[in-house]
Amino acid sequence: ITLPTFDGFYWTSQLRQVSDVPVIFVSA
């Protein structure tokens, strides 16, 4: 979730626009 630029929520939402690849979140 916490990443250097945008967070994991942002990247997953962007990814979902172009791919249905499975995503597993890991976070503290």
PDB file of all heavy atoms in Angstrom:
ATOM      1  N   ILE A   1       0.830  -1.208   0.000  1.00  0.00           N
ATOM      2  CA  ILE A   1       0.000   0.000   0.000  1.00  0.00           C
ATOM      3  C   ILE A   1       0.861   1.252   0.000  1.00  0.00           C
ATOM      4  O   ILE A   1       0.726   2.129  -0.849  1.00  0.00           O
ATOM      5  CB  ILE A   1      -0.955   0.014   1.209  1.00  0.00           C
ATOM      6  CG1 ILE A   1      -2.015  -1.074   1.047  1.00  0.00           C
ATOM      7  CG2 ILE A   1      -1.630   1.389   1.338  1.00  0.00           C
ATOM      8  CD1 ILE A   1      -3.023  -1.119   2.183  1.00  0.00           C
ATOM      9  N   THR A   2       1.790   1.357   0.952  1.00  0.00           N
ATOM     10  CA  THR A   2       2.634   2.546   1.063  1.00  0.00           C
ATOM     11  C   THR A   2       3.846   2.400   0.153  1.00  0.00           C
ATOM     12  O   THR A   2       4.702   1.545   0.384  1.00  0.00           O
ATOM     13  CB  THR A   2       3.090   2.753   2.517  1.00  0.00           C
ATOM     14  OG1 THR A   2       1.938   2.804   3.362  1.00  0.00           O
ATOM     15  CG2 THR A   2       3.877   4.044   2.655  1.00  0.00           C
ATOM     16  N   LEU A   3       3.921   3.234  -0.871  1.00  0.00           N
ATOM     17  CA  LEU A   3       4.970   3.137  -1.887  1.00  0.00           C
ATOM     18  C   LEU A   3       5.622   4.497  -2.126  1.00  0.00           C
ATOM     19  O   LEU A   3       5.076   5.530  -1.698  1.00  0.00           O
ATOM     20  CB  LEU A   3       4.378   2.594  -3.192  1.00  0.00           C
ATOM     21  CG  LEU A   3       3.762   1.188  -3.105  1.00  0.00           C
ATOM     22  CD1 LEU A   3       2.954   0.870  -4.353  1.00  0.00           C
ATOM     23  CD2 LEU A   3       4.854   0.149  -2.890  1.00  0.00           C
ATOM     24  N   PRO A   4       6.774   4.540  -2.800  1.00  0.00           N
ATOM     25  CA  PRO A   4       7.523   5.795  -2.968  1.00  0.00           C
ATOM     26  C   PRO A   4       6.772   6.916  -3.679  1.00  0.00           C
ATOM     27  O   PRO A   4       6.921   8.085  -3.332  1.00  0.00           O
ATOM     28  CB  PRO A   4       8.749   5.354  -3.785  1.00  0.00           C
ATOM     29  CG  PRO A   4       8.923   3.922  -3.425  1.00  0.00           C
ATOM     30  CD  PRO A   4       7.542   3.379  -3.282  1.00  0.00           C
ATOM     31  N   THR A   5       5.980   6.595  -4.696  1.00  0.00           N
ATOM     32  CA  THR A   5       5.265   7.650  -5.425  1.00  0.00           C
ATOM     33  C   THR A   5       3.784   7.576  -5.070  1.00  0.00           C
ATOM     34  O   THR A   5       3.372   8.020  -4.028  1.00  0.00           O
ATOM     35  CB  THR A   5       5.480   7.501  -6.941  1.00  0.00           C
ATOM     36  OG1 THR A   5       5.129   6.164  -7.343  1.00  0.00           O
ATOM     37  CG2 THR A   5       6.929   7.760  -7.306  1.00  0.00           C
ATOM     38  N   PHE A   6       2.980   6.991  -5.941  1.00  0.00           N
ATOM     39  CA  PHE A   6       1.572   6.786  -5.638  1.00  0.00           C
ATOM     40  C   PHE A   6       1.408   5.511  -4.807  1.00  0.00           C
ATOM     41  O   PHE A   6       2.256   4.630  -4.831  1.00  0.00           O
ATOM     42  CB  PHE A   6       0.766   6.674  -6.936  1.00  0.00           C
ATOM     43  CG  PHE A   6       0.867   7.894  -7.805  1.00  0.00           C
ATOM     44  CD1 PHE A   6       1.695   7.914  -8.914  1.00  0.00           C
ATOM     45  CD2 PHE A   6       0.128   9.036  -7.502  1.00  0.00           C
ATOM     46  CE1 PHE A   6       1.794   9.045  -9.723  1.00  0.00           C
ATOM     47  CE2 PHE A   6       0.216  10.171  -8.301  1.00  0.00           C
ATOM     48  CZ  PHE A   6       1.045  10.181  -9.415  1.00  0.00           C
ATOM     49  N   ASP A   7       0.306   5.417  -4.069  1.00  0.00           N
ATOM     50  CA  ASP A   7       0.117   4.238  -3.228  1.00  0.00           C
ATOM     51  C   ASP A   7      -0.446   3.057  -4.023  1.00  0.00           C
ATOM     52  O   ASP A   7      -0.771   3.175  -5.209  1.00  0.00           O
ATOM     53  CB  ASP A   7      -0.767   4.559  -2.023  1.00  0.00           C
ATOM     54  CG  ASP A   7      -2.193   4.974  -2.396  1.00  0.00           C
ATOM     55  OD1 ASP A   7      -2.654   4.628  -3.502  1.00  0.00           O
ATOM     56  OD2 ASP A   7      -2.852   5.644  -1.573  1.00  0.00           O
ATOM     57  N   GLY A   8      -0.532   1.915  -3.329  1.00  0.00           N
ATOM     58  CA  GLY A   8      -0.978   0.697  -3.999  1.00  0.00           C
ATOM     59  C   GLY A   8      -2.402   0.763  -4.508  1.00  0.00           C
ATOM     60  O   GLY A   8      -2.752   0.121  -5.502  1.00  0.00           O
ATOM     61  N   PHE A   9      -3.257   1.551  -3.833  1.00  0.00           N
ATOM     62  CA  PHE A   9      -4.633   1.703  -4.283  1.00  0.00           C
ATOM     63  C   PHE A   9      -4.663   2.380  -5.662  1.00  0.00           C
ATOM     64  O   PHE A   9      -5.414   1.980  -6.555  1.00  0.00           O
ATOM     65  CB  PHE A   9      -5.443   2.535  -3.292  1.00  0.00           C
ATOM     66  CG  PHE A   9      -5.531   1.917  -1.918  1.00  0.00           C
ATOM     67  CD1 PHE A   9      -5.100   2.611  -0.813  1.00  0.00           C
ATOM     68  CD2 PHE A   9      -6.055   0.641  -1.734  1.00  0.00           C
ATOM     69  CE1 PHE A   9      -5.183   2.055   0.457  1.00  0.00           C
ATOM     70  CE2 PHE A   9      -6.147   0.077  -0.477  1.00  0.00           C
ATOM     71  CZ  PHE A   9      -5.702   0.784   0.624  1.00  0.00           C
ATOM     72  N   TYR A  10      -3.823   3.412  -5.802  1.00  0.00           N
ATOM     73  CA  TYR A  10      -3.764   4.129  -7.080  1.00  0.00           C
ATOM     74  C   TYR A  10      -3.300   3.202  -8.198  1.00  0.00           C
ATOM     75  O   TYR A  10      -3.942   3.126  -9.262  1.00  0.00           O
ATOM     76  CB  TYR A  10      -2.811   5.327  -6.974  1.00  0.00           C
ATOM     77  CG  TYR A  10      -2.520   5.986  -8.304  1.00  0.00           C
ATOM     78  CD1 TYR A  10      -3.379   6.929  -8.843  1.00  0.00           C
ATOM     79  CD2 TYR A  10      -1.377   5.631  -9.037  1.00  0.00           C
ATOM     80  CE1 TYR A  10      -3.118   7.515 -10.075  1.00  0.00           C
ATOM     81  CE2 TYR A  10      -1.106   6.210 -10.261  1.00  0.00           C
ATOM     82  CZ  TYR A  10      -1.984   7.150 -10.784  1.00  0.00           C
ATOM     83  OH  TYR A  10      -1.730   7.721 -12.013  1.00  0.00           O
ATOM     84  N   TRP A  11      -2.180   2.487  -7.948  1.00  0.00           N
ATOM     85  CA  TRP A  11      -1.640   1.642  -9.012  1.00  0.00           C
ATOM     86  C   TRP A  11      -2.591   0.505  -9.375  1.00  0.00           C
ATOM     87  O   TRP A  11      -2.697   0.115 -10.540  1.00  0.00           O
ATOM     88  CB  TRP A  11      -0.273   1.084  -8.606  1.00  0.00           C
ATOM     89  CG  TRP A  11       0.824   2.094  -8.610  1.00  0.00           C
ATOM     90  CD1 TRP A  11       1.616   2.475  -7.563  1.00  0.00           C
ATOM     91  CD2 TRP A  11       1.260   2.885  -9.732  1.00  0.00           C
ATOM     92  NE1 TRP A  11       2.507   3.450  -7.949  1.00  0.00           N
ATOM     93  CE2 TRP A  11       2.314   3.708  -9.279  1.00  0.00           C
ATOM     94  CE3 TRP A  11       0.859   2.971 -11.056  1.00  0.00           C
ATOM     95  CZ2 TRP A  11       2.969   4.610 -10.118  1.00  0.00           C
ATOM     96  CZ3 TRP A  11       1.511   3.872 -11.898  1.00  0.00           C
ATOM     97  CH2 TRP A  11       2.550   4.671 -11.420  1.00  0.00           C
ATOM     98  N   THR A  12      -3.313  -0.014  -8.384  1.00  0.00           N
ATOM     99  CA  THR A  12      -4.260  -1.085  -8.677  1.00  0.00           C
ATOM    100  C   THR A  12      -5.428  -0.563  -9.504  1.00  0.00           C
ATOM    101  O   THR A  12      -5.882  -1.231 -10.448  1.00  0.00           O
ATOM    102  CB  THR A  12      -4.793  -1.725  -7.377  1.00  0.00           C
ATOM    103  OG1 THR A  12      -3.689  -2.248  -6.635  1.00  0.00           O
ATOM    104  CG2 THR A  12      -5.757  -2.862  -7.682  1.00  0.00           C
ATOM    105  N   SER A  13      -5.906   0.618  -9.174  1.00  0.00           N
ATOM    106  CA  SER A  13      -7.006   1.199  -9.959  1.00  0.00           C
ATOM    107  C   SER A  13      -6.561   1.477 -11.394  1.00  0.00           C
ATOM    108  O   SER A  13      -7.330   1.271 -12.347  1.00  0.00           O
ATOM    109  CB  SER A  13      -7.514   2.493  -9.314  1.00  0.00           C
ATOM    110  OG  SER A  13      -6.510   3.495  -9.308  1.00  0.00           O
ATOM    111  N   GLN A  14      -5.308   1.920 -11.563  1.00  0.00           N
ATOM    112  CA  GLN A  14      -4.768   2.144 -12.914  1.00  0.00           C
ATOM    113  C   GLN A  14      -4.601   0.826 -13.660  1.00  0.00           C
ATOM    114  O   GLN A  14      -4.915   0.712 -14.850  1.00  0.00           O
ATOM    115  CB  GLN A  14      -3.418   2.867 -12.823  1.00  0.00           C
ATOM    116  CG  GLN A  14      -3.490   4.285 -12.287  1.00  0.00           C
ATOM    117  CD  GLN A  14      -4.293   5.202 -13.198  1.00  0.00           C
ATOM    118  OE1 GLN A  14      -3.975   5.346 -14.385  1.00  0.00           O
ATOM    119  NE2 GLN A  14      -5.339   5.807 -12.658  1.00  0.00           N
ATOM    120  N   LEU A  15      -4.136  -0.181 -12.926  1.00  0.00           N
ATOM    121  CA  LEU A  15      -3.932  -1.498 -13.538  1.00  0.00           C
ATOM    122  C   LEU A  15      -5.253  -2.095 -13.992  1.00  0.00           C
ATOM    123  O   LEU A  15      -5.325  -2.730 -15.051  1.00  0.00           O
ATOM    124  CB  LEU A  15      -3.240  -2.424 -12.530  1.00  0.00           C
ATOM    125  CG  LEU A  15      -2.934  -3.851 -12.992  1.00  0.00           C
ATOM    126  CD1 LEU A  15      -1.953  -3.845 -14.165  1.00  0.00           C
ATOM    127  CD2 LEU A  15      -2.343  -4.661 -11.830  1.00  0.00           C
ATOM    128  N   ARG A  16      -6.301  -1.901 -13.193  1.00  0.00           N
ATOM    129  CA  ARG A  16      -7.597  -2.484 -13.517  1.00  0.00           C
ATOM    130  C   ARG A  16      -8.206  -1.904 -14.802  1.00  0.00           C
ATOM    131  O   ARG A  16      -9.116  -2.491 -15.388  1.00  0.00           O
ATOM    132  CB  ARG A  16      -8.561  -2.300 -12.350  1.00  0.00           C
ATOM    133  CG  ARG A  16      -8.346  -3.325 -11.247  1.00  0.00           C
ATOM    134  CD  ARG A  16      -8.734  -4.733 -11.751  1.00  0.00           C
ATOM    135  NE  ARG A  16      -8.312  -5.789 -10.826  1.00  0.00           N
ATOM    136  CZ  ARG A  16      -7.247  -6.543 -11.001  1.00  0.00           C
ATOM    137  NH1 ARG A  16      -6.464  -6.347 -12.062  1.00  0.00           N
ATOM    138  NH2 ARG A  16      -6.938  -7.490 -10.152  1.00  0.00           N
ATOM    139  N   GLN A  17      -7.708  -0.768 -15.250  1.00  0.00           N
ATOM    140  CA  GLN A  17      -8.199  -0.177 -16.483  1.00  0.00           C
ATOM    141  C   GLN A  17      -7.668  -0.904 -17.719  1.00  0.00           C
ATOM    142  O   GLN A  17      -8.256  -0.808 -18.802  1.00  0.00           O
ATOM    143  CB  GLN A  17      -7.812   1.303 -16.561  1.00  0.00           C
ATOM    144  CG  GLN A  17      -8.444   2.163 -15.486  1.00  0.00           C
ATOM    145  CD  GLN A  17      -8.027   3.615 -15.584  1.00  0.00           C
ATOM    146  OE1 GLN A  17      -7.688   4.116 -16.666  1.00  0.00           O
ATOM    147  NE2 GLN A  17      -8.057   4.327 -14.457  1.00  0.00           N
ATOM    148  N   VAL A  18      -6.566  -1.665 -17.524  1.00  0.00           N
ATOM    149  CA  VAL A  18      -5.939  -2.309 -18.680  1.00  0.00           C
ATOM    150  C   VAL A  18      -5.711  -3.804 -18.498  1.00  0.00           C
ATOM    151  O   VAL A  18      -5.294  -4.489 -19.435  1.00  0.00           O
ATOM    152  CB  VAL A  18      -4.587  -1.637 -19.015  1.00  0.00           C
ATOM    153  CG1 VAL A  18      -4.804  -0.194 -19.449  1.00  0.00           C
ATOM    154  CG2 VAL A  18      -3.643  -1.694 -17.814  1.00  0.00           C
ATOM    155  N   SER A  19      -5.954  -4.333 -17.269  1.00  0.00           N
ATOM    156  CA  SER A  19      -5.645  -5.745 -17.030  1.00  0.00           C
ATOM    157  C   SER A  19      -6.518  -6.310 -15.907  1.00  0.00           C
ATOM    158  O   SER A  19      -6.908  -5.594 -14.988  1.00  0.00           O
ATOM    159  CB  SER A  19      -4.169  -5.898 -16.650  1.00  0.00           C
ATOM    160  OG  SER A  19      -3.869  -7.218 -16.259  1.00  0.00           O
ATOM    161  N   ASP A  20      -6.794  -7.624 -16.007  1.00  0.00           N
ATOM    162  CA  ASP A  20      -7.535  -8.308 -14.943  1.00  0.00           C
ATOM    163  C   ASP A  20      -6.624  -9.252 -14.164  1.00  0.00           C
ATOM    164  O   ASP A  20      -7.084 -10.171 -13.490  1.00  0.00           O
ATOM    165  CB  ASP A  20      -8.718  -9.090 -15.526  1.00  0.00           C
ATOM    166  CG  ASP A  20      -8.267 -10.207 -16.467  1.00  0.00           C
ATOM    167  OD1 ASP A  20      -7.068 -10.248 -16.834  1.00  0.00           O
ATOM    168  OD2 ASP A  20      -9.117 -11.043 -16.844  1.00  0.00           O
ATOM    169  N   VAL A  21      -5.309  -9.035 -14.242  1.00  0.00           N
ATOM    170  CA  VAL A  21      -4.356  -9.878 -13.535  1.00  0.00           C
ATOM    171  C   VAL A  21      -4.667  -9.853 -12.034  1.00  0.00           C
ATOM    172  O   VAL A  21      -4.956  -8.792 -11.474  1.00  0.00           O
ATOM    173  CB  VAL A  21      -2.902  -9.419 -13.787  1.00  0.00           C
ATOM    174  CG1 VAL A  21      -2.680  -7.992 -13.319  1.00  0.00           C
ATOM    175  CG2 VAL A  21      -1.912 -10.367 -13.112  1.00  0.00           C
ATOM    176  N   PRO A  22      -4.664 -11.001 -11.340  1.00  0.00           N
ATOM    177  CA  PRO A  22      -4.959 -11.038  -9.900  1.00  0.00           C
ATOM    178  C   PRO A  22      -3.954 -10.198  -9.100  1.00  0.00           C
ATOM    179  O   PRO A  22      -2.763 -10.162  -9.424  1.00  0.00           O
ATOM    180  CB  PRO A  22      -4.833 -12.523  -9.551  1.00  0.00           C
ATOM    181  CG  PRO A  22      -5.080 -13.241 -10.831  1.00  0.00           C
ATOM    182  CD  PRO A  22      -4.486 -12.365 -11.891  1.00  0.00           C
ATOM    183  N   VAL A  23      -4.448  -9.561  -8.058  1.00  0.00           N
ATOM    184  CA  VAL A  23      -3.619  -8.716  -7.184  1.00  0.00           C
ATOM    185  C   VAL A  23      -3.843  -9.122  -5.731  1.00  0.00           C
ATOM    186  O   VAL A  23      -4.983  -9.225  -5.284  1.00  0.00           O
ATOM    187  CB  VAL A  23      -3.959  -7.221  -7.349  1.00  0.00           C
ATOM    188  CG1 VAL A  23      -3.141  -6.383  -6.361  1.00  0.00           C
ATOM    189  CG2 VAL A  23      -3.701  -6.768  -8.782  1.00  0.00           C
ATOM    190  N   ILE A  24      -2.743  -9.366  -5.011  1.00  0.00           N
ATOM    191  CA  ILE A  24      -2.807  -9.611  -3.572  1.00  0.00           C
ATOM    192  C   ILE A  24      -2.127  -8.448  -2.869  1.00  0.00           C
ATOM    193  O   ILE A  24      -0.958  -8.161  -3.117  1.00  0.00           O
ATOM    194  CB  ILE A  24      -2.104 -10.930  -3.184  1.00  0.00           C
ATOM    195  CG1 ILE A  24      -2.851 -12.132  -3.770  1.00  0.00           C
ATOM    196  CG2 ILE A  24      -2.033 -11.060  -1.654  1.00  0.00           C
ATOM    197  CD1 ILE A  24      -2.211 -13.472  -3.425  1.00  0.00           C
ATOM    198  N   PHE A  25      -2.854  -7.755  -1.998  1.00  0.00           N
ATOM    199  CA  PHE A  25      -2.290  -6.641  -1.243  1.00  0.00           C
ATOM    200  C   PHE A  25      -1.533  -7.160  -0.025  1.00  0.00           C
ATOM    201  O   PHE A  25      -1.971  -8.110   0.637  1.00  0.00           O
ATOM    202  CB  PHE A  25      -3.401  -5.709  -0.765  1.00  0.00           C
ATOM    203  CG  PHE A  25      -3.665  -4.546  -1.685  1.00  0.00           C
ATOM    204  CD1 PHE A  25      -4.426  -4.704  -2.827  1.00  0.00           C
ATOM    205  CD2 PHE A  25      -3.144  -3.297  -1.400  1.00  0.00           C
ATOM    206  CE1 PHE A  25      -4.675  -3.646  -3.672  1.00  0.00           C
ATOM    207  CE2 PHE A  25      -3.384  -2.228  -2.242  1.00  0.00           C
ATOM    208  CZ  PHE A  25      -4.147  -2.382  -3.384  1.00  0.00           C
ATOM    209  N   VAL A  26      -0.389  -6.547   0.279  1.00  0.00           N
ATOM    210  CA  VAL A  26       0.329  -6.799   1.523  1.00  0.00           C
ATOM    211  C   VAL A  26       0.593  -5.447   2.169  1.00  0.00           C
ATOM    212  O   VAL A  26       1.051  -4.521   1.515  1.00  0.00           O
ATOM    213  CB  VAL A  26       1.662  -7.554   1.298  1.00  0.00           C
ATOM    214  CG1 VAL A  26       1.403  -8.961   0.810  1.00  0.00           C
ATOM    215  CG2 VAL A  26       2.556  -6.825   0.314  1.00  0.00           C
ATOM    216  N   SER A  27       0.291  -5.336   3.449  1.00  0.00           N
ATOM    217  CA  SER A  27       0.470  -4.053   4.105  1.00  0.00           C
ATOM    218  C   SER A  27       0.565  -4.207   5.610  1.00  0.00           C
ATOM    219  O   SER A  27       0.006  -5.138   6.189  1.00  0.00           O
ATOM    220  CB  SER A  27      -0.702  -3.121   3.773  1.00  0.00           C
ATOM    221  OG  SER A  27      -0.592  -1.915   4.500  1.00  0.00           O
ATOM    222  N   ALA A  28       1.272  -3.273   6.243  1.00  0.00           N
ATOM    223  CA  ALA A  28       1.370  -3.254   7.700  1.00  0.00           C
ATOM    224  C   ALA A  28       0.144  -2.602   8.310  1.00  0.00           C
ATOM    225  O   ALA A  28      -0.054  -2.638   9.515  1.00  0.00           O
ATOM    226  CB  ALA A  28       2.625  -2.499   8.127  1.00  0.00           C
TER     227      ALA A  28
END
